[in-house]
Amino acid sequence: MKLRNYITRWQEFREWSECNRPEIVSDVENLGNELRHSIEAYREATGPEDRQDTMDSIKSYYDEVVEWHMREIIAKLDNV
């Protein structure tokens, strides 16, 4: 997946949160900051091990974004 796609997916979650779960927006922002920090570290990494470590971090944050987003959507639907 391209690095930009990770940020795009996070932005979709943030926009959804603003409309549907405003009480979690600051936590979603923090997760986005961590994701962006990991992407910056990946771009600055020089060796293959550093790049792999930072890519693992990016994927971990991305997985958290996807899991959290799905969990929040389900919770929202359960409360409808």
C-alpha atoms as a PDB file:
ATOM      1  CA  MET A   1       0.000   0.000   0.000  1.00  0.00           C
ATOM      2  CA  LYS A   2       1.277   3.479  -0.785  1.00  0.00           C
ATOM      3  CA  LEU A   3       2.091   5.658   2.208  1.00  0.00           C
ATOM      4  CA  ARG A   4      -0.462   8.238   1.142  1.00  0.00           C
ATOM      5  CA  ASN A   5      -3.208   5.616   1.350  1.00  0.00           C
ATOM      6  CA  TYR A   6      -2.499   5.098   5.050  1.00  0.00           C
ATOM      7  CA  ILE A   7      -3.128   8.779   5.705  1.00  0.00           C
ATOM      8  CA  THR A   8      -6.204   8.830   3.453  1.00  0.00           C
ATOM      9  CA  ARG A   9      -7.773   5.964   5.397  1.00  0.00           C
ATOM     10  CA  TRP A  10      -7.053   7.736   8.685  1.00  0.00           C
ATOM     11  CA  GLN A  11      -8.612  10.955   7.315  1.00  0.00           C
ATOM     12  CA  GLU A  12     -11.758   9.030   6.394  1.00  0.00           C
ATOM     13  CA  PHE A  13     -11.978   7.754   9.961  1.00  0.00           C
ATOM     14  CA  ARG A  14     -11.428  11.243  11.346  1.00  0.00           C
ATOM     15  CA  GLU A  15     -14.167  12.726   9.158  1.00  0.00           C
ATOM     16  CA  TRP A  16     -16.539   9.924  10.133  1.00  0.00           C
ATOM     17  CA  SER A  17     -15.705  10.500  13.802  1.00  0.00           C
ATOM     18  CA  GLU A  18     -16.430  14.226  13.561  1.00  0.00           C
ATOM     19  CA  CYS A  19     -19.938  13.489  12.297  1.00  0.00           C
ATOM     20  CA  ASN A  20     -20.766  10.359  14.250  1.00  0.00           C
ATOM     21  CA  ARG A  21     -18.610  10.180  17.378  1.00  0.00           C
ATOM     22  CA  PRO A  22     -17.265  13.672  18.194  1.00  0.00           C
ATOM     23  CA  GLU A  23     -16.188  12.510  21.655  1.00  0.00           C
ATOM     24  CA  ILE A  24     -13.385  10.392  20.140  1.00  0.00           C
ATOM     25  CA  VAL A  25     -11.979  12.952  17.686  1.00  0.00           C
ATOM     26  CA  SER A  26      -9.046  13.956  19.912  1.00  0.00           C
ATOM     27  CA  ASP A  27      -8.043  10.302  20.318  1.00  0.00           C
ATOM     28  CA  VAL A  28      -8.332   9.815  16.560  1.00  0.00           C
ATOM     29  CA  GLU A  29      -6.124  12.900  16.093  1.00  0.00           C
ATOM     30  CA  ASN A  30      -3.494  11.401  18.397  1.00  0.00           C
ATOM     31  CA  LEU A  31      -3.512   8.174  16.416  1.00  0.00           C
ATOM     32  CA  GLY A  32      -3.092  10.179  13.208  1.00  0.00           C
ATOM     33  CA  ASN A  33      -0.128  12.032  14.698  1.00  0.00           C
ATOM     34  CA  GLU A  34       1.528   8.716  15.549  1.00  0.00           C
ATOM     35  CA  LEU A  35       0.851   7.429  12.053  1.00  0.00           C
ATOM     36  CA  ARG A  36       2.329  10.556  10.438  1.00  0.00           C
ATOM     37  CA  HIS A  37       5.364  10.377  12.736  1.00  0.00           C
ATOM     38  CA  SER A  38       5.978   6.770  11.677  1.00  0.00           C
ATOM     39  CA  ILE A  39       5.676   7.708   8.002  1.00  0.00           C
ATOM     40  CA  GLU A  40       8.187  10.535   8.460  1.00  0.00           C
ATOM     41  CA  ALA A  41      10.563   8.130  10.221  1.00  0.00           C
ATOM     42  CA  TYR A  42      10.173   5.679   7.336  1.00  0.00           C
ATOM     43  CA  ARG A  43      11.043   8.360   4.797  1.00  0.00           C
ATOM     44  CA  GLU A  44      14.121   9.347   6.813  1.00  0.00           C
ATOM     45  CA  ALA A  45      15.313   5.785   7.468  1.00  0.00           C
ATOM     46  CA  THR A  46      18.561   4.925   5.767  1.00  0.00           C
ATOM     47  CA  GLY A  47      19.042   1.208   6.209  1.00  0.00           C
ATOM     48  CA  PRO A  48      16.794  -1.690   5.290  1.00  0.00           C
ATOM     49  CA  GLU A  49      16.314  -2.700   8.941  1.00  0.00           C
ATOM     50  CA  ASP A  50      15.289   0.835   9.909  1.00  0.00           C
ATOM     51  CA  ARG A  51      12.883   0.995   6.995  1.00  0.00           C
ATOM     52  CA  GLN A  52      11.374  -2.379   7.898  1.00  0.00           C
ATOM     53  CA  ASP A  53      10.980  -1.389  11.556  1.00  0.00           C
ATOM     54  CA  THR A  54       9.226   1.840  10.658  1.00  0.00           C
ATOM     55  CA  MET A  55       7.050   0.103   8.054  1.00  0.00           C
ATOM     56  CA  ASP A  56       6.008  -2.376  10.740  1.00  0.00           C
ATOM     57  CA  SER A  57       5.069   0.581  12.929  1.00  0.00           C
ATOM     58  CA  ILE A  58       3.062   2.186  10.112  1.00  0.00           C
ATOM     59  CA  LYS A  59       1.186  -1.051   9.496  1.00  0.00           C
ATOM     60  CA  SER A  60       0.483  -1.421  13.199  1.00  0.00           C
ATOM     61  CA  TYR A  61      -1.019   2.076  13.434  1.00  0.00           C
ATOM     62  CA  TYR A  62      -2.966   1.487  10.235  1.00  0.00           C
ATOM     63  CA  ASP A  63      -4.368  -1.783  11.571  1.00  0.00           C
ATOM     64  CA  GLU A  64      -5.415   0.075  14.706  1.00  0.00           C
ATOM     65  CA  VAL A  65      -7.167   2.742  12.599  1.00  0.00           C
ATOM     66  CA  VAL A  66      -9.088   0.131  10.607  1.00  0.00           C
ATOM     67  CA  GLU A  67     -10.018  -1.947  13.647  1.00  0.00           C
ATOM     68  CA  TRP A  68     -11.095   1.079  15.660  1.00  0.00           C
ATOM     69  CA  HIS A  69     -13.117   2.516  12.784  1.00  0.00           C
ATOM     70  CA  MET A  70     -14.983  -0.747  12.232  1.00  0.00           C
ATOM     71  CA  ARG A  71     -15.631  -1.119  15.960  1.00  0.00           C
ATOM     72  CA  GLU A  72     -17.039   2.425  16.147  1.00  0.00           C
ATOM     73  CA  ILE A  73     -19.253   1.918  13.099  1.00  0.00           C
ATOM     74  CA  ILE A  74     -20.673  -1.262  14.620  1.00  0.00           C
ATOM     75  CA  ALA A  75     -21.229   0.485  17.955  1.00  0.00           C
ATOM     76  CA  LYS A  76     -23.008   3.332  16.170  1.00  0.00           C
ATOM     77  CA  LEU A  77     -25.234   0.895  14.283  1.00  0.00           C
ATOM     78  CA  ASP A  78     -26.030  -1.000  17.477  1.00  0.00           C
ATOM     79  CA  ASN A  79     -27.268   2.238  19.042  1.00  0.00           C
ATOM     80  CA  VAL A  80     -29.514   3.225  16.140  1.00  0.00           C
END
